Amino acid sequence: MKTPGHADTQSVPMAPPSAITYVFKSSAGGYRVRPAHVIVKQEGTVYIRNLSGSRVTVFFDDDSLFDQASVAIPQGELGKVGIRRGEGFQQRPFAVYVHDAKAFAQGNSHPEVIAEP
């Protein structure tokens, strides 16, 4: 029997095994990361497409969740980082440095990877 106001947990979508985010130059100025929040299953992969017009480096500050500390991505290329299995729900920030601009790209908030068990 379903409880009113509660979703049937068997029909609730789970996090995908991979996800993608984009780095690009905004028409309003500066560089952006969209989506800024990437949701992926633990032991999955996050892909980062660089459309910024510059080489970028993506930094991950917690090697307990990410399989590498950083990844350099040439303009027009696709970088990736593996997500390790963690204890329960995991949420970690990442940063994208745009080399030609000597600045960090902005999300609509600080970019984060959210990893579900």
C-alpha atoms as a PDB file:
ATOM      1  CA  MET A   1       0.000   0.000   0.000  1.00  0.00           C
ATOM      2  CA  LYS A   2       1.344   3.426  -0.938  1.00  0.00           C
ATOM      3  CA  THR A   3       1.399   6.207   1.593  1.00  0.00           C
ATOM      4  CA  PRO A   4      -0.286   9.364   0.234  1.00  0.00           C
ATOM      5  CA  GLY A   5       2.286  12.005  -0.665  1.00  0.00           C
ATOM      6  CA  HIS A   6       5.176   9.522  -0.902  1.00  0.00           C
ATOM      7  CA  ALA A   7       6.671   8.221  -4.122  1.00  0.00           C
ATOM      8  CA  ASP A   8       6.851   4.532  -4.861  1.00  0.00           C
ATOM      9  CA  THR A   9      10.603   3.995  -4.402  1.00  0.00           C
ATOM     10  CA  GLN A  10      10.695   1.368  -7.142  1.00  0.00           C
ATOM     11  CA  SER A  11       9.555   3.961  -9.703  1.00  0.00           C
ATOM     12  CA  VAL A  12      11.891   6.772  -8.582  1.00  0.00           C
ATOM     13  CA  PRO A  13      14.738   7.209 -11.099  1.00  0.00           C
ATOM     14  CA  MET A  14      18.213   6.521  -9.770  1.00  0.00           C
ATOM     15  CA  ALA A  15      21.396   8.416 -10.634  1.00  0.00           C
ATOM     16  CA  PRO A  16      22.833   7.477 -14.040  1.00  0.00           C
ATOM     17  CA  PRO A  17      26.167   5.628 -14.357  1.00  0.00           C
ATOM     18  CA  SER A  18      27.632   8.608 -16.220  1.00  0.00           C
ATOM     19  CA  ALA A  19      26.929  12.326 -16.597  1.00  0.00           C
ATOM     20  CA  ILE A  20      28.307  15.258 -18.574  1.00  0.00           C
ATOM     21  CA  THR A  21      28.905  18.927 -17.864  1.00  0.00           C
ATOM     22  CA  TYR A  22      30.165  21.686 -20.178  1.00  0.00           C
ATOM     23  CA  VAL A  23      32.714  24.503 -19.828  1.00  0.00           C
ATOM     24  CA  PHE A  24      32.058  27.450 -22.163  1.00  0.00           C
ATOM     25  CA  LYS A  25      32.531  31.197 -22.601  1.00  0.00           C
ATOM     26  CA  SER A  26      29.364  33.035 -21.654  1.00  0.00           C
ATOM     27  CA  SER A  27      27.891  35.717 -23.913  1.00  0.00           C
ATOM     28  CA  ALA A  28      27.487  37.752 -20.702  1.00  0.00           C
ATOM     29  CA  GLY A  29      31.244  37.501 -20.092  1.00  0.00           C
ATOM     30  CA  GLY A  30      33.367  35.080 -18.153  1.00  0.00           C
ATOM     31  CA  TYR A  31      33.365  31.306 -18.291  1.00  0.00           C
ATOM     32  CA  ARG A  32      30.658  28.987 -17.048  1.00  0.00           C
ATOM     33  CA  VAL A  33      30.157  25.354 -16.016  1.00  0.00           C
ATOM     34  CA  ARG A  34      26.690  23.974 -16.830  1.00  0.00           C
ATOM     35  CA  PRO A  35      25.178  22.070 -15.283  1.00  0.00           C
ATOM     36  CA  ALA A  36      27.071  23.098 -12.177  1.00  0.00           C
ATOM     37  CA  HIS A  37      25.686  20.142 -10.220  1.00  0.00           C
ATOM     38  CA  VAL A  38      26.434  16.781 -11.790  1.00  0.00           C
ATOM     39  CA  ILE A  39      24.582  13.758 -10.423  1.00  0.00           C
ATOM     40  CA  VAL A  40      26.079  10.331 -11.057  1.00  0.00           C
ATOM     41  CA  LYS A  41      26.098   6.849  -9.559  1.00  0.00           C
ATOM     42  CA  GLN A  42      29.125   5.910  -7.454  1.00  0.00           C
ATOM     43  CA  GLU A  43      31.626   3.896  -9.512  1.00  0.00           C
ATOM     44  CA  GLY A  44      30.395   5.914 -12.495  1.00  0.00           C
ATOM     45  CA  THR A  45      32.071   8.508 -14.716  1.00  0.00           C
ATOM     46  CA  VAL A  46      31.743  12.274 -15.048  1.00  0.00           C
ATOM     47  CA  TYR A  47      32.581  13.715 -18.478  1.00  0.00           C
ATOM     48  CA  ILE A  48      33.589  17.356 -18.978  1.00  0.00           C
ATOM     49  CA  ARG A  49      33.283  18.831 -22.491  1.00  0.00           C
ATOM     50  CA  ASN A  50      35.570  21.844 -23.003  1.00  0.00           C
ATOM     51  CA  LEU A  51      33.948  24.419 -25.288  1.00  0.00           C
ATOM     52  CA  SER A  52      35.703  27.421 -23.701  1.00  0.00           C
ATOM     53  CA  GLY A  53      38.108  28.268 -26.530  1.00  0.00           C
ATOM     54  CA  SER A  54      41.026  27.637 -24.151  1.00  0.00           C
ATOM     55  CA  ARG A  55      42.760  24.749 -22.439  1.00  0.00           C
ATOM     56  CA  VAL A  56      41.208  24.066 -19.026  1.00  0.00           C
ATOM     57  CA  THR A  57      42.236  22.089 -15.965  1.00  0.00           C
ATOM     58  CA  VAL A  58      39.587  20.585 -13.720  1.00  0.00           C
ATOM     59  CA  PHE A  59      40.595  20.166 -10.060  1.00  0.00           C
ATOM     60  CA  PHE A  60      38.998  17.683  -7.651  1.00  0.00           C
ATOM     61  CA  ASP A  61      39.882  18.350  -4.024  1.00  0.00           C
ATOM     62  CA  ASP A  62      38.990  14.994  -2.505  1.00  0.00           C
ATOM     63  CA  ASP A  63      40.766  11.912  -3.820  1.00  0.00           C
ATOM     64  CA  SER A  64      38.607   9.654  -1.639  1.00  0.00           C
ATOM     65  CA  LEU A  65      35.780  10.092  -4.177  1.00  0.00           C
ATOM     66  CA  PHE A  66      37.579  10.969  -7.433  1.00  0.00           C
ATOM     67  CA  ASP A  67      40.073   8.664  -9.161  1.00  0.00           C
ATOM     68  CA  GLN A  68      42.426  11.585  -9.913  1.00  0.00           C
ATOM     69  CA  ALA A  69      43.268  15.003  -8.485  1.00  0.00           C
ATOM     70  CA  SER A  70      42.972  16.909 -11.771  1.00  0.00           C
ATOM     71  CA  VAL A  71      42.443  16.507 -15.505  1.00  0.00           C
ATOM     72  CA  ALA A  72      43.726  18.818 -18.262  1.00  0.00           C
ATOM     73  CA  ILE A  73      41.340  19.155 -21.207  1.00  0.00           C
ATOM     74  CA  PRO A  74      42.323  20.817 -24.509  1.00  0.00           C
ATOM     75  CA  GLN A  75      39.752  23.048 -26.249  1.00  0.00           C
ATOM     76  CA  GLY A  76      37.051  20.989 -27.966  1.00  0.00           C
ATOM     77  CA  GLU A  77      37.987  17.789 -26.138  1.00  0.00           C
ATOM     78  CA  LEU A  78      36.194  15.606 -23.615  1.00  0.00           C
ATOM     79  CA  GLY A  79      37.804  14.849 -20.262  1.00  0.00           C
ATOM     80  CA  LYS A  80      36.632  12.351 -17.697  1.00  0.00           C
ATOM     81  CA  VAL A  81      36.996  11.440 -14.037  1.00  0.00           C
ATOM     82  CA  GLY A  82      35.971   8.189 -12.376  1.00  0.00           C
ATOM     83  CA  ILE A  83      33.897   8.193  -9.213  1.00  0.00           C
ATOM     84  CA  ARG A  84      34.879   5.776  -6.453  1.00  0.00           C
ATOM     85  CA  ARG A  85      32.470   3.987  -4.166  1.00  0.00           C
ATOM     86  CA  GLY A  86      31.943   5.860  -0.929  1.00  0.00           C
ATOM     87  CA  GLU A  87      29.977   5.467   2.248  1.00  0.00           C
ATOM     88  CA  GLY A  88      26.432   6.644   1.506  1.00  0.00           C
ATOM     89  CA  PHE A  89      25.564   9.868  -0.312  1.00  0.00           C
ATOM     90  CA  GLN A  90      28.657  11.873  -1.378  1.00  0.00           C
ATOM     91  CA  GLN A  91      28.850  15.520  -2.469  1.00  0.00           C
ATOM     92  CA  ARG A  92      32.137  17.173  -3.464  1.00  0.00           C
ATOM     93  CA  PRO A  93      33.107  20.454  -5.152  1.00  0.00           C
ATOM     94  CA  PHE A  94      35.306  20.745  -8.215  1.00  0.00           C
ATOM     95  CA  ALA A  95      36.914  23.745  -9.915  1.00  0.00           C
ATOM     96  CA  VAL A  96      37.611  24.526 -13.583  1.00  0.00           C
ATOM     97  CA  TYR A  97      40.591  26.769 -14.394  1.00  0.00           C
ATOM     98  CA  VAL A  98      40.565  28.453 -17.826  1.00  0.00           C
ATOM     99  CA  HIS A  99      44.223  28.980 -18.773  1.00  0.00           C
ATOM    100  CA  ASP A 100      43.885  31.765 -21.394  1.00  0.00           C
ATOM    101  CA  ALA A 101      41.680  33.812 -19.065  1.00  0.00           C
ATOM    102  CA  LYS A 102      43.780  33.013 -15.971  1.00  0.00           C
ATOM    103  CA  ALA A 103      40.478  32.605 -14.134  1.00  0.00           C
ATOM    104  CA  PHE A 104      38.131  29.958 -12.806  1.00  0.00           C
ATOM    105  CA  ALA A 105      34.849  29.187 -14.559  1.00  0.00           C
ATOM    106  CA  GLN A 106      31.690  29.795 -12.534  1.00  0.00           C
ATOM    107  CA  GLY A 107      28.698  27.553 -11.983  1.00  0.00           C
ATOM    108  CA  ASN A 108      25.320  28.944 -10.935  1.00  0.00           C
ATOM    109  CA  SER A 109      26.906  28.030  -7.611  1.00  0.00           C
ATOM    110  CA  HIS A 110      30.215  26.323  -6.967  1.00  0.00           C
ATOM    111  CA  PRO A 111      30.289  23.244  -9.223  1.00  0.00           C
ATOM    112  CA  GLU A 112      29.747  19.943  -7.401  1.00  0.00           C
ATOM    113  CA  VAL A 113      29.615  16.250  -8.140  1.00  0.00           C
ATOM    114  CA  ILE A 114      26.851  14.429  -6.288  1.00  0.00           C
ATOM    115  CA  ALA A 115      27.369  10.649  -6.126  1.00  0.00           C
ATOM    116  CA  GLU A 116      24.589   8.315  -5.033  1.00  0.00           C
ATOM    117  CA  PRO A 117      25.333   4.885  -3.587  1.00  0.00           C
END
